[in-house]
Amino acid sequence: MKIDKSVFTVFDVETTGLYPYSGDRICEIGAVKGTIGSRAVKKFHSLVNPKRAISYGAFAVNGITDDMVKNAPAIDEALPSFVKFIEGTVLVAYNAGFDLGFLECALGQDRRVLNDYRIIDALRLARRLFPQAGRYSLGHVAEVLNISSDGGHRALSDALMTWEVFKKEIDILFSEGVKEVEEITQVQAKRPHLETVKDYKVKLIEDAIREQRKLNITYRSAWDNRITRRTITPKEIQKGYDRSYVVAHCHLRNGERNFRLDCIVDARVV
């Protein structure tokens, strides 16, 4: 599939919190669609009533309030239009695992529709192609590349920003001789799925789930590499788009949390 002949949809979701497998939901979807040479792109935008409160932490990032979404369509009303919008395109997102985790949860039994799409993570490409950036939040990368970050942390604005970052990534890939969409996915660094993480942690977690036991874990944040030590009671292992999560009760936070399996540095039975 030639890159210059393909239609790409760059999309972003805003959410009520960080944990799709623990009940957080989409509250806004934004997307832009076009070919790499497009001067204009088609746009999709919808606020979504998540049928639950938006956490303060999410509001502090995206500025979306419960009042703003109370009259918006529910996700099962908004999704058909979005699925039609992306039809036949290559999907692109910045930190795609996050957005696709929420999209998979929203689609429920229909999540298999995503199997028909090639998916590109613009964040992974940024880490590979822009070593000068140092930090890889979307806003910082945009600033380094002289791309406007106005309106950041709203779905459509972030989709437009990612579109501009992605075009610069494609420019570099073209210069390296990459011409096919399939080659882009090979450039992306792979992350381990549950099936390929065959160390003691998986067995400990599976045993703890079966026996309803607590674990002490050492956890490295994927956002800032900060190390914390926590006691958790694992409930299940969920496989997302490109990584697996442990859904557990976190005794430090006294609530249900998702922990990326590949970020659990160490685990011990309490």
C-alpha atoms as a PDB file:
ATOM      1  CA  MET A   1       0.000   0.000   0.000  1.00  0.00           C
ATOM      2  CA  LYS A   2       1.741   3.172  -1.226  1.00  0.00           C
ATOM      3  CA  ILE A   3       1.993   5.940   1.376  1.00  0.00           C
ATOM      4  CA  ASP A   4       1.303   8.690  -1.149  1.00  0.00           C
ATOM      5  CA  LYS A   5      -1.829   6.894  -2.377  1.00  0.00           C
ATOM      6  CA  SER A   6      -3.241   6.032   1.059  1.00  0.00           C
ATOM      7  CA  VAL A   7      -5.865   7.934   3.034  1.00  0.00           C
ATOM      8  CA  PHE A   8      -4.975   8.419   6.698  1.00  0.00           C
ATOM      9  CA  THR A   9      -7.284   9.193   9.607  1.00  0.00           C
ATOM     10  CA  VAL A  10      -5.552  10.819  12.568  1.00  0.00           C
ATOM     11  CA  PHE A  11      -7.768  10.623  15.638  1.00  0.00           C
ATOM     12  CA  ASP A  12      -7.747  11.518  19.312  1.00  0.00           C
ATOM     13  CA  VAL A  13     -10.083  10.911  22.244  1.00  0.00           C
ATOM     14  CA  GLU A  14     -10.545  12.837  25.474  1.00  0.00           C
ATOM     15  CA  THR A  15     -11.699  10.789  28.426  1.00  0.00           C
ATOM     16  CA  THR A  16     -13.121  10.901  31.936  1.00  0.00           C
ATOM     17  CA  GLY A  17      -9.891   9.451  33.343  1.00  0.00           C
ATOM     18  CA  LEU A  18      -6.982   7.180  32.499  1.00  0.00           C
ATOM     19  CA  TYR A  19      -8.408   3.689  33.033  1.00  0.00           C
ATOM     20  CA  PRO A  20     -10.717   2.303  30.322  1.00  0.00           C
ATOM     21  CA  TYR A  21     -10.778  -1.178  31.838  1.00  0.00           C
ATOM     22  CA  SER A  22     -11.839   0.270  35.194  1.00  0.00           C
ATOM     23  CA  GLY A  23     -14.811   2.264  33.959  1.00  0.00           C
ATOM     24  CA  ASP A  24     -13.405   5.502  32.506  1.00  0.00           C
ATOM     25  CA  ARG A  25     -15.025   6.467  29.221  1.00  0.00           C
ATOM     26  CA  ILE A  26     -14.640   8.654  26.128  1.00  0.00           C
ATOM     27  CA  CYS A  27     -16.081  12.171  26.422  1.00  0.00           C
ATOM     28  CA  GLU A  28     -14.846  13.605  23.108  1.00  0.00           C
ATOM     29  CA  ILE A  29     -13.694  12.269  19.721  1.00  0.00           C
ATOM     30  CA  GLY A  30     -11.822  14.286  17.115  1.00  0.00           C
ATOM     31  CA  ALA A  31     -10.340  13.166  13.804  1.00  0.00           C
ATOM     32  CA  VAL A  32      -8.946  14.478  10.531  1.00  0.00           C
ATOM     33  CA  LYS A  33      -8.721  12.521   7.275  1.00  0.00           C
ATOM     34  CA  GLY A  34      -6.731  13.022   4.104  1.00  0.00           C
ATOM     35  CA  THR A  35      -3.785  11.997   1.979  1.00  0.00           C
ATOM     36  CA  ILE A  36      -0.275  13.124   2.826  1.00  0.00           C
ATOM     37  CA  GLY A  37      -0.363  15.655   0.005  1.00  0.00           C
ATOM     38  CA  SER A  38      -3.752  17.082   1.016  1.00  0.00           C
ATOM     39  CA  ARG A  39      -3.976  20.836   1.412  1.00  0.00           C
ATOM     40  CA  ALA A  40      -7.322  20.386   3.173  1.00  0.00           C
ATOM     41  CA  VAL A  41      -8.522  17.565   5.375  1.00  0.00           C
ATOM     42  CA  LYS A  42     -11.976  16.311   6.315  1.00  0.00           C
ATOM     43  CA  LYS A  43     -12.798  16.688   9.996  1.00  0.00           C
ATOM     44  CA  PHE A  44     -14.864  14.737  12.510  1.00  0.00           C
ATOM     45  CA  HIS A  45     -15.765  16.003  15.964  1.00  0.00           C
ATOM     46  CA  SER A  46     -18.232  14.988  18.636  1.00  0.00           C
ATOM     47  CA  LEU A  47     -18.554  15.520  22.341  1.00  0.00           C
ATOM     48  CA  VAL A  48     -19.806  12.335  24.017  1.00  0.00           C
ATOM     49  CA  ASN A  49     -21.949  11.910  27.108  1.00  0.00           C
ATOM     50  CA  PRO A  50     -19.916   9.326  29.058  1.00  0.00           C
ATOM     51  CA  LYS A  51     -22.779   8.575  31.478  1.00  0.00           C
ATOM     52  CA  ARG A  52     -20.409   9.135  34.374  1.00  0.00           C
ATOM     53  CA  ALA A  53     -18.664  12.079  36.011  1.00  0.00           C
ATOM     54  CA  ILE A  54     -15.511  13.509  34.460  1.00  0.00           C
ATOM     55  CA  SER A  55     -12.705  13.270  37.010  1.00  0.00           C
ATOM     56  CA  TYR A  56     -11.027  16.427  38.246  1.00  0.00           C
ATOM     57  CA  GLY A  57      -7.720  15.171  36.852  1.00  0.00           C
ATOM     58  CA  ALA A  58      -9.217  14.788  33.375  1.00  0.00           C
ATOM     59  CA  PHE A  59     -10.921  18.194  33.572  1.00  0.00           C
ATOM     60  CA  ALA A  60      -7.604  19.789  34.592  1.00  0.00           C
ATOM     61  CA  VAL A  61      -6.091  18.482  31.342  1.00  0.00           C
ATOM     62  CA  ASN A  62      -8.865  18.850  28.769  1.00  0.00           C
ATOM     63  CA  GLY A  63     -11.164  21.471  30.325  1.00  0.00           C
ATOM     64  CA  ILE A  64     -14.275  19.410  29.529  1.00  0.00           C
ATOM     65  CA  THR A  65     -17.012  19.660  32.175  1.00  0.00           C
ATOM     66  CA  ASP A  66     -20.027  17.496  32.939  1.00  0.00           C
ATOM     67  CA  ASP A  67     -22.286  20.352  31.779  1.00  0.00           C
ATOM     68  CA  MET A  68     -20.554  20.444  28.400  1.00  0.00           C
ATOM     69  CA  VAL A  69     -21.390  16.803  27.669  1.00  0.00           C
ATOM     70  CA  LYS A  70     -24.771  16.353  29.369  1.00  0.00           C
ATOM     71  CA  ASN A  71     -26.696  16.925  26.120  1.00  0.00           C
ATOM     72  CA  ALA A  72     -24.124  15.247  23.860  1.00  0.00           C
ATOM     73  CA  PRO A  73     -24.840  11.890  22.198  1.00  0.00           C
ATOM     74  CA  ALA A  74     -23.933   8.738  24.105  1.00  0.00           C
ATOM     75  CA  ILE A  75     -21.036   6.700  22.770  1.00  0.00           C
ATOM     76  CA  ASP A  76     -23.292   4.169  21.026  1.00  0.00           C
ATOM     77  CA  GLU A  77     -24.818   7.080  19.087  1.00  0.00           C
ATOM     78  CA  ALA A  78     -21.494   8.760  18.253  1.00  0.00           C
ATOM     79  CA  LEU A  79     -19.495   5.668  17.290  1.00  0.00           C
ATOM     80  CA  PRO A  80     -21.367   4.647  14.099  1.00  0.00           C
ATOM     81  CA  SER A  81     -20.590   8.022  12.524  1.00  0.00           C
ATOM     82  CA  PHE A  82     -16.937   7.753  13.564  1.00  0.00           C
ATOM     83  CA  VAL A  83     -16.630   4.176  12.255  1.00  0.00           C
ATOM     84  CA  LYS A  84     -18.084   5.325   8.937  1.00  0.00           C
ATOM     85  CA  PHE A  85     -15.656   8.285   8.860  1.00  0.00           C
ATOM     86  CA  ILE A  86     -12.577   6.054   9.250  1.00  0.00           C
ATOM     87  CA  GLU A  87     -13.724   3.388   6.801  1.00  0.00           C
ATOM     88  CA  GLY A  88     -11.040   2.351   4.322  1.00  0.00           C
ATOM     89  CA  THR A  89      -8.297   4.486   5.875  1.00  0.00           C
ATOM     90  CA  VAL A  90      -5.067   3.911   7.784  1.00  0.00           C
ATOM     91  CA  LEU A  91      -5.433   4.938  11.443  1.00  0.00           C
ATOM     92  CA  VAL A  92      -2.905   7.197  13.159  1.00  0.00           C
ATOM     93  CA  ALA A  93      -2.844   8.333  16.784  1.00  0.00           C
ATOM     94  CA  TYR A  94      -0.314   9.823  19.167  1.00  0.00           C
ATOM     95  CA  ASN A  95       0.238   7.205  21.883  1.00  0.00           C
ATOM     96  CA  ALA A  96      -2.141   4.938  19.991  1.00  0.00           C
ATOM     97  CA  GLY A  97      -2.403   2.342  22.760  1.00  0.00           C
ATOM     98  CA  PHE A  98      -4.201   4.825  25.010  1.00  0.00           C
ATOM     99  CA  ASP A  99      -6.756   5.936  22.417  1.00  0.00           C
ATOM    100  CA  LEU A 100      -7.335   2.441  21.078  1.00  0.00           C
ATOM    101  CA  GLY A 101      -7.803   1.030  24.575  1.00  0.00           C
ATOM    102  CA  PHE A 102     -10.745   3.385  25.062  1.00  0.00           C
ATOM    103  CA  LEU A 103     -12.028   2.748  21.537  1.00  0.00           C
ATOM    104  CA  GLU A 104     -11.904  -1.021  22.064  1.00  0.00           C
ATOM    105  CA  CYS A 105     -13.880  -0.717  25.298  1.00  0.00           C
ATOM    106  CA  ALA A 106     -16.451   1.528  23.618  1.00  0.00           C
ATOM    107  CA  LEU A 107     -16.881  -0.895  20.704  1.00  0.00           C
ATOM    108  CA  GLY A 108     -17.363  -3.853  23.040  1.00  0.00           C
ATOM    109  CA  GLN A 109     -18.180  -7.001  21.054  1.00  0.00           C
ATOM    110  CA  ASP A 110     -17.690  -5.012  17.840  1.00  0.00           C
ATOM    111  CA  ARG A 111     -14.013  -4.300  18.616  1.00  0.00           C
ATOM    112  CA  ARG A 112     -13.040  -6.844  15.972  1.00  0.00           C
ATOM    113  CA  VAL A 113     -13.732  -4.150  13.384  1.00  0.00           C
ATOM    114  CA  LEU A 114     -10.343  -2.676  14.341  1.00  0.00           C
ATOM    115  CA  ASN A 115      -8.623  -5.809  13.062  1.00  0.00           C
ATOM    116  CA  ASP A 116      -9.275  -4.555   9.532  1.00  0.00           C
ATOM    117  CA  TYR A 117      -7.107  -1.449  10.024  1.00  0.00           C
ATOM    118  CA  ARG A 118      -3.429  -0.730   9.906  1.00  0.00           C
ATOM    119  CA  ILE A 119      -2.565   1.410  12.918  1.00  0.00           C
ATOM    120  CA  ILE A 120       0.377   3.793  13.191  1.00  0.00           C
ATOM    121  CA  ASP A 121       1.579   5.274  16.472  1.00  0.00           C
ATOM    122  CA  ALA A 122       2.959   8.761  15.796  1.00  0.00           C
ATOM    123  CA  LEU A 123       4.533   8.802  19.279  1.00  0.00           C
ATOM    124  CA  ARG A 124       6.672   5.754  18.539  1.00  0.00           C
ATOM    125  CA  LEU A 125       7.765   7.326  15.274  1.00  0.00           C
ATOM    126  CA  ALA A 126       8.577  10.603  17.048  1.00  0.00           C
ATOM    127  CA  ARG A 127      10.902   8.815  19.473  1.00  0.00           C
ATOM    128  CA  ARG A 128      12.691   7.209  16.553  1.00  0.00           C
ATOM    129  CA  LEU A 129      12.777  10.190  14.173  1.00  0.00           C
ATOM    130  CA  PHE A 130      13.142  13.253  16.440  1.00  0.00           C
ATOM    131  CA  PRO A 131      15.929  12.414  18.920  1.00  0.00           C
ATOM    132  CA  GLN A 132      16.513  16.131  19.403  1.00  0.00           C
ATOM    133  CA  ALA A 133      13.139  16.516  21.126  1.00  0.00           C
ATOM    134  CA  GLY A 134      14.287  14.906  24.373  1.00  0.00           C
ATOM    135  CA  ARG A 135      10.718  14.766  25.703  1.00  0.00           C
ATOM    136  CA  TYR A 136       7.841  13.333  23.735  1.00  0.00           C
ATOM    137  CA  SER A 137       4.572  14.817  24.860  1.00  0.00           C
ATOM    138  CA  LEU A 138       2.590  15.893  21.800  1.00  0.00           C
ATOM    139  CA  GLY A 139       2.779  19.566  22.757  1.00  0.00           C
ATOM    140  CA  HIS A 140       6.549  19.503  23.257  1.00  0.00           C
ATOM    141  CA  VAL A 141       7.216  17.674  19.989  1.00  0.00           C
ATOM    142  CA  ALA A 142       4.961  20.145  18.162  1.00  0.00           C
ATOM    143  CA  GLU A 143       6.907  23.038  19.693  1.00  0.00           C
ATOM    144  CA  VAL A 144      10.235  21.527  18.628  1.00  0.00           C
ATOM    145  CA  LEU A 145       8.897  21.152  15.081  1.00  0.00           C
ATOM    146  CA  ASN A 146       7.438  24.703  15.015  1.00  0.00           C
ATOM    147  CA  ILE A 147       3.864  23.410  14.859  1.00  0.00           C
ATOM    148  CA  SER A 148       1.145  25.388  16.599  1.00  0.00           C
ATOM    149  CA  SER A 149      -0.096  23.768  19.803  1.00  0.00           C
ATOM    150  CA  ASP A 150      -3.032  26.145  20.278  1.00  0.00           C
ATOM    151  CA  GLY A 151      -6.077  24.399  21.705  1.00  0.00           C
ATOM    152  CA  GLY A 152      -4.061  21.412  22.917  1.00  0.00           C
ATOM    153  CA  HIS A 153      -5.747  18.660  24.946  1.00  0.00           C
ATOM    154  CA  ARG A 154      -9.026  18.885  23.060  1.00  0.00           C
ATOM    155  CA  ALA A 155      -9.684  16.005  20.693  1.00  0.00           C
ATOM    156  CA  LEU A 156      -9.895  17.828  17.353  1.00  0.00           C
ATOM    157  CA  SER A 157      -7.017  20.204  18.154  1.00  0.00           C
ATOM    158  CA  ASP A 158      -4.784  17.292  19.164  1.00  0.00           C
ATOM    159  CA  ALA A 159      -5.771  15.357  16.030  1.00  0.00           C
ATOM    160  CA  LEU A 160      -4.826  18.357  13.870  1.00  0.00           C
ATOM    161  CA  MET A 161      -1.535  18.757  15.747  1.00  0.00           C
ATOM    162  CA  THR A 162      -0.762  15.052  15.334  1.00  0.00           C
ATOM    163  CA  TRP A 163      -1.568  15.327  11.608  1.00  0.00           C
ATOM    164  CA  GLU A 164       1.120  18.001  11.216  1.00  0.00           C
ATOM    165  CA  VAL A 165       3.638  15.965  13.248  1.00  0.00           C
ATOM    166  CA  PHE A 166       2.826  12.871  11.204  1.00  0.00           C
ATOM    167  CA  LYS A 167       3.419  14.692   7.917  1.00  0.00           C
ATOM    168  CA  LYS A 168       6.907  15.668   9.102  1.00  0.00           C
ATOM    169  CA  GLU A 169       7.531  12.063  10.140  1.00  0.00           C
ATOM    170  CA  ILE A 170       6.517  10.913   6.661  1.00  0.00           C
ATOM    171  CA  ASP A 171       8.914  13.451   5.105  1.00  0.00           C
ATOM    172  CA  ILE A 172      11.794  11.838   6.986  1.00  0.00           C
ATOM    173  CA  LEU A 173      10.646   8.316   6.164  1.00  0.00           C
ATOM    174  CA  PHE A 174      10.401   9.235   2.472  1.00  0.00           C
ATOM    175  CA  SER A 175      13.979  10.509   2.631  1.00  0.00           C
ATOM    176  CA  GLU A 176      15.016   7.121   4.083  1.00  0.00           C
ATOM    177  CA  GLY A 177      13.378   5.299   1.188  1.00  0.00           C
ATOM    178  CA  VAL A 178      10.210   4.197   2.994  1.00  0.00           C
ATOM    179  CA  LYS A 179       7.383   4.179   0.460  1.00  0.00           C
ATOM    180  CA  GLU A 180       4.867   1.614   1.745  1.00  0.00           C
ATOM    181  CA  VAL A 181       2.502   1.832   4.715  1.00  0.00           C
ATOM    182  CA  GLU A 182       3.597  -1.653   5.735  1.00  0.00           C
ATOM    183  CA  GLU A 183       7.158  -0.371   6.100  1.00  0.00           C
ATOM    184  CA  ILE A 184       6.018   2.314   8.576  1.00  0.00           C
ATOM    185  CA  THR A 185       4.642  -0.311  10.920  1.00  0.00           C
ATOM    186  CA  GLN A 186       8.017  -2.100  10.782  1.00  0.00           C
ATOM    187  CA  VAL A 187       9.795   1.105  11.826  1.00  0.00           C
ATOM    188  CA  GLN A 188       7.740   1.305  15.006  1.00  0.00           C
ATOM    189  CA  ALA A 189       9.429  -0.318  17.985  1.00  0.00           C
ATOM    190  CA  LYS A 190       7.484  -3.355  19.104  1.00  0.00           C
ATOM    191  CA  ARG A 191       6.178  -3.743  22.618  1.00  0.00           C
ATOM    192  CA  PRO A 192       5.608  -7.114  24.262  1.00  0.00           C
ATOM    193  CA  HIS A 193       2.158  -8.658  24.369  1.00  0.00           C
ATOM    194  CA  LEU A 194       1.142 -10.895  27.217  1.00  0.00           C
ATOM    195  CA  GLU A 195       2.030 -13.942  25.124  1.00  0.00           C
ATOM    196  CA  THR A 196       5.651 -12.819  24.733  1.00  0.00           C
ATOM    197  CA  VAL A 197       6.231 -11.784  28.346  1.00  0.00           C
ATOM    198  CA  LYS A 198       7.197 -15.193  29.673  1.00  0.00           C
ATOM    199  CA  ASP A 199       8.799 -14.297  32.985  1.00  0.00           C
ATOM    200  CA  TYR A 200       7.953 -14.977  36.605  1.00  0.00           C
ATOM    201  CA  LYS A 201       5.740 -11.870  36.911  1.00  0.00           C
ATOM    202  CA  VAL A 202       3.000 -13.277  34.682  1.00  0.00           C
ATOM    203  CA  LYS A 203       2.770 -16.512  36.651  1.00  0.00           C
ATOM    204  CA  LEU A 204       2.762 -14.629  39.963  1.00  0.00           C
ATOM    205  CA  ILE A 205      -0.043 -12.367  38.766  1.00  0.00           C
ATOM    206  CA  GLU A 206      -2.090 -15.243  37.354  1.00  0.00           C
ATOM    207  CA  ASP A 207      -1.666 -17.176  40.614  1.00  0.00           C
ATOM    208  CA  ALA A 208      -2.617 -14.109  42.666  1.00  0.00           C
ATOM    209  CA  ILE A 209      -5.793 -13.635  40.598  1.00  0.00           C
ATOM    210  CA  ARG A 210      -6.775 -17.272  41.017  1.00  0.00           C
ATOM    211  CA  GLU A 211      -6.004 -17.322  44.765  1.00  0.00           C
ATOM    212  CA  GLN A 212      -7.207 -13.732  45.438  1.00  0.00           C
ATOM    213  CA  ARG A 213      -3.866 -12.817  47.003  1.00  0.00           C
ATOM    214  CA  LYS A 214      -2.022  -9.515  47.310  1.00  0.00           C
ATOM    215  CA  LEU A 215       1.234  -8.654  45.579  1.00  0.00           C
ATOM    216  CA  ASN A 216       3.900  -6.079  46.331  1.00  0.00           C
ATOM    217  CA  ILE A 217       5.044  -4.563  43.034  1.00  0.00           C
ATOM    218  CA  THR A 218       7.699  -2.124  41.940  1.00  0.00           C
ATOM    219  CA  TYR A 219       6.194  -0.003  39.182  1.00  0.00           C
ATOM    220  CA  ARG A 220       7.852   2.334  36.693  1.00  0.00           C
ATOM    221  CA  SER A 221       5.594   5.062  35.340  1.00  0.00           C
ATOM    222  CA  ALA A 222       5.386   5.063  31.536  1.00  0.00           C
ATOM    223  CA  TRP A 223       4.912   8.852  31.681  1.00  0.00           C
ATOM    224  CA  ASP A 224       7.878  10.051  33.730  1.00  0.00           C
ATOM    225  CA  ASN A 225       9.849   6.872  34.654  1.00  0.00           C
ATOM    226  CA  ARG A 226       9.116   7.491  38.341  1.00  0.00           C
ATOM    227  CA  ILE A 227       9.413   4.349  40.472  1.00  0.00           C
ATOM    228  CA  THR A 228       6.783   3.574  43.115  1.00  0.00           C
ATOM    229  CA  ARG A 229       6.194   0.552  45.309  1.00  0.00           C
ATOM    230  CA  ARG A 230       2.617  -0.564  45.794  1.00  0.00           C
ATOM    231  CA  THR A 231       0.504  -3.358  47.190  1.00  0.00           C
ATOM    232  CA  ILE A 232      -2.153  -4.566  44.759  1.00  0.00           C
ATOM    233  CA  THR A 233      -4.819  -7.247  44.592  1.00  0.00           C
ATOM    234  CA  PRO A 234      -4.891  -8.302  40.914  1.00  0.00           C
ATOM    235  CA  LYS A 235      -8.316  -8.954  39.377  1.00  0.00           C
ATOM    236  CA  GLU A 236      -7.631  -9.738  35.717  1.00  0.00           C
ATOM    237  CA  ILE A 237      -5.190  -9.261  32.867  1.00  0.00           C
ATOM    238  CA  GLN A 238      -6.541  -7.287  29.911  1.00  0.00           C
ATOM    239  CA  LYS A 239      -4.893  -7.326  26.502  1.00  0.00           C
ATOM    240  CA  GLY A 240      -5.091  -3.958  24.751  1.00  0.00           C
ATOM    241  CA  TYR A 241      -4.037  -2.853  21.280  1.00  0.00           C
ATOM    242  CA  ASP A 242      -0.275  -3.156  21.753  1.00  0.00           C
ATOM    243  CA  ARG A 243       0.259  -3.998  25.401  1.00  0.00           C
ATOM    244  CA  SER A 244      -1.300  -5.829  28.333  1.00  0.00           C
ATOM    245  CA  TYR A 245      -2.640  -4.381  31.570  1.00  0.00           C
ATOM    246  CA  VAL A 246      -3.193  -5.761  35.046  1.00  0.00           C
ATOM    247  CA  VAL A 247      -6.507  -4.549  36.462  1.00  0.00           C
ATOM    248  CA  ALA A 248      -6.104  -4.483  40.229  1.00  0.00           C
ATOM    249  CA  HIS A 249      -7.200  -2.883  43.475  1.00  0.00           C
ATOM    250  CA  CYS A 250      -4.364  -0.526  44.438  1.00  0.00           C
ATOM    251  CA  HIS A 251      -4.064  -0.339  48.222  1.00  0.00           C
ATOM    252  CA  LEU A 252      -1.912   2.800  47.986  1.00  0.00           C
ATOM    253  CA  ARG A 253      -4.684   4.690  46.158  1.00  0.00           C
ATOM    254  CA  ASN A 254      -7.549   2.648  47.665  1.00  0.00           C
ATOM    255  CA  GLY A 255      -9.161   2.172  44.272  1.00  0.00           C
ATOM    256  CA  GLU A 256      -9.109   0.156  41.076  1.00  0.00           C
ATOM    257  CA  ARG A 257      -6.229   0.955  38.728  1.00  0.00           C
ATOM    258  CA  ASN A 258      -4.671  -0.377  35.504  1.00  0.00           C
ATOM    259  CA  PHE A 259      -0.973  -1.282  35.570  1.00  0.00           C
ATOM    260  CA  ARG A 260       0.941  -1.863  32.346  1.00  0.00           C
ATOM    261  CA  LEU A 261       2.428  -5.322  32.515  1.00  0.00           C
ATOM    262  CA  ASP A 262       5.681  -4.231  30.911  1.00  0.00           C
ATOM    263  CA  CYS A 263       6.074  -1.453  33.537  1.00  0.00           C
ATOM    264  CA  ILE A 264       5.945  -3.837  36.497  1.00  0.00           C
ATOM    265  CA  VAL A 265       9.640  -4.049  37.314  1.00  0.00           C
ATOM    266  CA  ASP A 266       9.304  -6.556  40.139  1.00  0.00           C
ATOM    267  CA  ALA A 267       6.529  -8.474  41.918  1.00  0.00           C
ATOM    268  CA  ARG A 268       6.462 -10.429  45.171  1.00  0.00           C
ATOM    269  CA  VAL A 269       3.722 -12.246  47.068  1.00  0.00           C
ATOM    270  CA  VAL A 270       2.722 -10.404  50.249  1.00  0.00           C
END
